[in-house]
C-alpha atoms as a PDB file:
ATOM      1  CA  UNK A   1     145.483 101.447 129.012  1.00  0.00           C
ATOM      2  CA  UNK A   2     143.923 102.932 125.877  1.00  0.00           C
ATOM      3  CA  UNK A   3     140.443 101.898 124.817  1.00  0.00           C
ATOM      4  CA  UNK A   4     139.310 102.303 121.251  1.00  0.00           C
ATOM      5  CA  UNK A   5     135.646 102.477 120.447  1.00  0.00           C
ATOM      6  CA  UNK A   6     134.567 101.238 117.042  1.00  0.00           C
ATOM      7  CA  UNK A   7     131.529 102.080 115.000  1.00  0.00           C
ATOM      8  CA  UNK A   8     128.810  99.490 115.077  1.00  0.00           C
ATOM      9  CA  UNK A   9     127.213  98.155 111.937  1.00  0.00           C
ATOM     10  CA  UNK A  10     123.632  99.039 111.233  1.00  0.00           C
ATOM     11  CA  UNK A  11     121.219  96.304 110.275  1.00  0.00           C
ATOM     12  CA  UNK A  12     119.645  98.614 107.672  1.00  0.00           C
ATOM     13  CA  UNK A  13     120.453  97.733 104.077  1.00  0.00           C
ATOM     14  CA  UNK A  14     121.866 100.501 101.973  1.00  0.00           C
ATOM     15  CA  UNK A  15     121.867 100.917  98.218  1.00  0.00           C
ATOM     16  CA  UNK A  16     125.169 102.250  96.980  1.00  0.00           C
ATOM     17  CA  UNK A  17     125.463 103.929  93.602  1.00  0.00           C
ATOM     18  CA  UNK A  18     128.695 103.412  91.688  1.00  0.00           C
ATOM     19  CA  UNK A  19     131.217 106.106  92.541  1.00  0.00           C
ATOM     20  CA  UNK A  20     131.746 109.078  90.257  1.00  0.00           C
ATOM     21  CA  UNK A  21     135.155 109.272  88.618  1.00  0.00           C
ATOM     22  CA  UNK A  22     137.579 111.155  90.827  1.00  0.00           C
ATOM     23  CA  UNK A  23     137.642 114.885  90.263  1.00  0.00           C
ATOM     24  CA  UNK A  24     141.024 116.587  90.374  1.00  0.00           C
ATOM     25  CA  UNK A  25     141.226 119.003  93.307  1.00  0.00           C
ATOM     26  CA  UNK A  26     141.852 121.975  91.011  1.00  0.00           C
ATOM     27  CA  UNK A  27     138.853 121.180  88.795  1.00  0.00           C
ATOM     28  CA  UNK A  28     135.996 123.636  89.374  1.00  0.00           C
ATOM     29  CA  UNK A  29     132.603 121.998  88.897  1.00  0.00           C
ATOM     30  CA  UNK A  30     130.594 124.719  90.623  1.00  0.00           C
ATOM     31  CA  UNK A  31     129.180 126.362  87.478  1.00  0.00           C
ATOM     32  CA  UNK A  32     129.165 123.820  84.654  1.00  0.00           C
ATOM     33  CA  UNK A  33     127.086 124.969  81.686  1.00  0.00           C
ATOM     34  CA  UNK A  34     126.680 123.647  78.176  1.00  0.00           C
ATOM     35  CA  UNK A  35     127.663 126.845  76.377  1.00  0.00           C
ATOM     36  CA  UNK A  36     130.617 127.856  78.535  1.00  0.00           C
ATOM     37  CA  UNK A  37     131.943 124.485  79.708  1.00  0.00           C
ATOM     38  CA  UNK A  38     130.806 121.467  77.695  1.00  0.00           C
ATOM     39  CA  UNK A  39     130.569 122.975  74.212  1.00  0.00           C
ATOM     40  CA  UNK A  40     134.152 124.337  74.180  1.00  0.00           C
ATOM     41  CA  UNK A  41     135.444 120.844  75.123  1.00  0.00           C
ATOM     42  CA  UNK A  42     133.307 119.122  72.472  1.00  0.00           C
ATOM     43  CA  UNK A  43     134.105 121.734  69.832  1.00  0.00           C
ATOM     44  CA  UNK A  44     137.860 121.501  70.425  1.00  0.00           C
ATOM     45  CA  UNK A  45     138.001 117.701  70.542  1.00  0.00           C
ATOM     46  CA  UNK A  46     135.068 116.209  68.632  1.00  0.00           C
ATOM     47  CA  UNK A  47     133.503 118.356  65.926  1.00  0.00           C
ATOM     48  CA  UNK A  48     136.326 117.990  63.425  1.00  0.00           C
ATOM     49  CA  UNK A  49     135.284 114.340  62.958  1.00  0.00           C
ATOM     50  CA  UNK A  50     131.697 114.346  64.221  1.00  0.00           C
ATOM     51  CA  UNK A  51     129.881 117.040  62.270  1.00  0.00           C
ATOM     52  CA  UNK A  52     128.343 117.527  58.873  1.00  0.00           C
ATOM     53  CA  UNK A  53     127.127 114.939  56.410  1.00  0.00           C
ATOM     54  CA  UNK A  54     130.353 112.926  56.649  1.00  0.00           C
ATOM     55  CA  UNK A  55     130.373 112.582  60.463  1.00  0.00           C
ATOM     56  CA  UNK A  56     132.317 109.508  61.566  1.00  0.00           C
ATOM     57  CA  UNK A  57     130.042 106.540  62.344  1.00  0.00           C
ATOM     58  CA  UNK A  58     127.101 108.874  61.725  1.00  0.00           C
ATOM     59  CA  UNK A  59     127.645 110.373  65.183  1.00  0.00           C
ATOM     60  CA  UNK A  60     127.098 114.111  65.027  1.00  0.00           C
ATOM     61  CA  UNK A  61     128.248 116.406  67.815  1.00  0.00           C
ATOM     62  CA  UNK A  62     127.647 119.793  66.302  1.00  0.00           C
ATOM     63  CA  UNK A  63     125.184 121.575  68.572  1.00  0.00           C
ATOM     64  CA  UNK A  64     123.284 121.224  71.845  1.00  0.00           C
ATOM     65  CA  UNK A  65     120.662 118.808  70.455  1.00  0.00           C
ATOM     66  CA  UNK A  66     123.169 116.389  68.923  1.00  0.00           C
ATOM     67  CA  UNK A  67     125.472 116.430  71.962  1.00  0.00           C
ATOM     68  CA  UNK A  68     122.510 115.852  74.302  1.00  0.00           C
ATOM     69  CA  UNK A  69     121.292 112.944  72.157  1.00  0.00           C
ATOM     70  CA  UNK A  70     124.697 111.257  72.385  1.00  0.00           C
ATOM     71  CA  UNK A  71     125.063 112.053  76.091  1.00  0.00           C
ATOM     72  CA  UNK A  72     121.619 110.535  76.734  1.00  0.00           C
ATOM     73  CA  UNK A  73     122.845 107.066  75.791  1.00  0.00           C
ATOM     74  CA  UNK A  74     123.374 105.167  79.042  1.00  0.00           C
ATOM     75  CA  UNK A  75     126.973 105.097  80.263  1.00  0.00           C
ATOM     76  CA  UNK A  76     127.262 101.315  80.101  1.00  0.00           C
ATOM     77  CA  UNK A  77     125.932 101.142  76.545  1.00  0.00           C
ATOM     78  CA  UNK A  78     128.012 101.040  73.409  1.00  0.00           C
ATOM     79  CA  UNK A  79     128.178 104.455  71.770  1.00  0.00           C
ATOM     80  CA  UNK A  80     127.656 106.520  74.892  1.00  0.00           C
ATOM     81  CA  UNK A  81     129.445 109.850  75.012  1.00  0.00           C
ATOM     82  CA  UNK A  82     130.727 109.297  78.540  1.00  0.00           C
ATOM     83  CA  UNK A  83     131.788 105.732  77.643  1.00  0.00           C
ATOM     84  CA  UNK A  84     133.759 106.962  74.637  1.00  0.00           C
ATOM     85  CA  UNK A  85     135.568 109.783  76.448  1.00  0.00           C
ATOM     86  CA  UNK A  86     136.403 107.617  79.478  1.00  0.00           C
ATOM     87  CA  UNK A  87     137.618 104.835  77.159  1.00  0.00           C
ATOM     88  CA  UNK A  88     135.184 102.365  78.766  1.00  0.00           C
ATOM     89  CA  UNK A  89     135.065  98.806  77.525  1.00  0.00           C
ATOM     90  CA  UNK A  90     132.655  98.341  74.621  1.00  0.00           C
ATOM     91  CA  UNK A  91     133.106 101.905  73.350  1.00  0.00           C
ATOM     92  CA  UNK A  92     135.417 103.370  70.756  1.00  0.00           C
ATOM     93  CA  UNK A  93     137.958 105.448  72.725  1.00  0.00           C
ATOM     94  CA  UNK A  94     137.621 109.102  71.791  1.00  0.00           C
ATOM     95  CA  UNK A  95     139.096 111.345  70.618  1.00  0.00           C
ATOM     96  CA  UNK A  96     140.338 108.856  68.052  1.00  0.00           C
ATOM     97  CA  UNK A  97     144.107 108.427  67.871  1.00  0.00           C
ATOM     98  CA  UNK A  98     144.629 111.132  70.487  1.00  0.00           C
ATOM     99  CA  UNK A  99     145.138 111.216  74.219  1.00  0.00           C
ATOM    100  CA  UNK A 100     142.105 110.810  76.440  1.00  0.00           C
ATOM    101  CA  UNK A 101     140.509 114.051  77.606  1.00  0.00           C
ATOM    102  CA  UNK A 102     141.793 115.345  80.929  1.00  0.00           C
ATOM    103  CA  UNK A 103     140.134 114.021  84.082  1.00  0.00           C
ATOM    104  CA  UNK A 104     138.864 117.545  84.717  1.00  0.00           C
ATOM    105  CA  UNK A 105     137.200 117.830  81.291  1.00  0.00           C
ATOM    106  CA  UNK A 106     135.640 114.384  81.690  1.00  0.00           C
ATOM    107  CA  UNK A 107     134.360 115.414  85.135  1.00  0.00           C
ATOM    108  CA  UNK A 108     132.843 118.589  83.681  1.00  0.00           C
ATOM    109  CA  UNK A 109     130.966 116.671  80.981  1.00  0.00           C
ATOM    110  CA  UNK A 110     129.864 114.079  83.535  1.00  0.00           C
ATOM    111  CA  UNK A 111     128.632 116.851  85.870  1.00  0.00           C
ATOM    112  CA  UNK A 112     126.587 118.380  83.039  1.00  0.00           C
ATOM    113  CA  UNK A 113     125.022 114.962  82.331  1.00  0.00           C
ATOM    114  CA  UNK A 114     124.280 114.429  86.044  1.00  0.00           C
ATOM    115  CA  UNK A 115     122.648 117.890  86.146  1.00  0.00           C
ATOM    116  CA  UNK A 116     120.155 116.778  83.489  1.00  0.00           C
ATOM    117  CA  UNK A 117     121.978 118.127  80.423  1.00  0.00           C
ATOM    118  CA  UNK A 118     120.512 121.646  80.567  1.00  0.00           C
ATOM    119  CA  UNK A 119     120.761 123.928  77.539  1.00  0.00           C
ATOM    120  CA  UNK A 120     122.466 126.749  79.393  1.00  0.00           C
END
């Protein structure tokens, strides 16, 4: 006869944060920086529409300060950088009229935000 022991439930209440989006196994998040990781993604996918005096919707993503300002908007709020690139409800899906950024690139930007958006 085989006996199986199960884990017992604890009476302690736990607070559970929402899960992070899944990170592809091949996606390296060990050294995410603004200048070498986030900026190249933003520059390649966002600045053509979101820079200069004619920036779409007045949203400028043209340097560290403007990217940080947009990334500082809470994820659940309309106009948040992470909401736009993950195509979350209530946000305009970005990049406009193009495929969503790769899961790896989204994870890199999210990691930078979670790390406090350092100017590195």
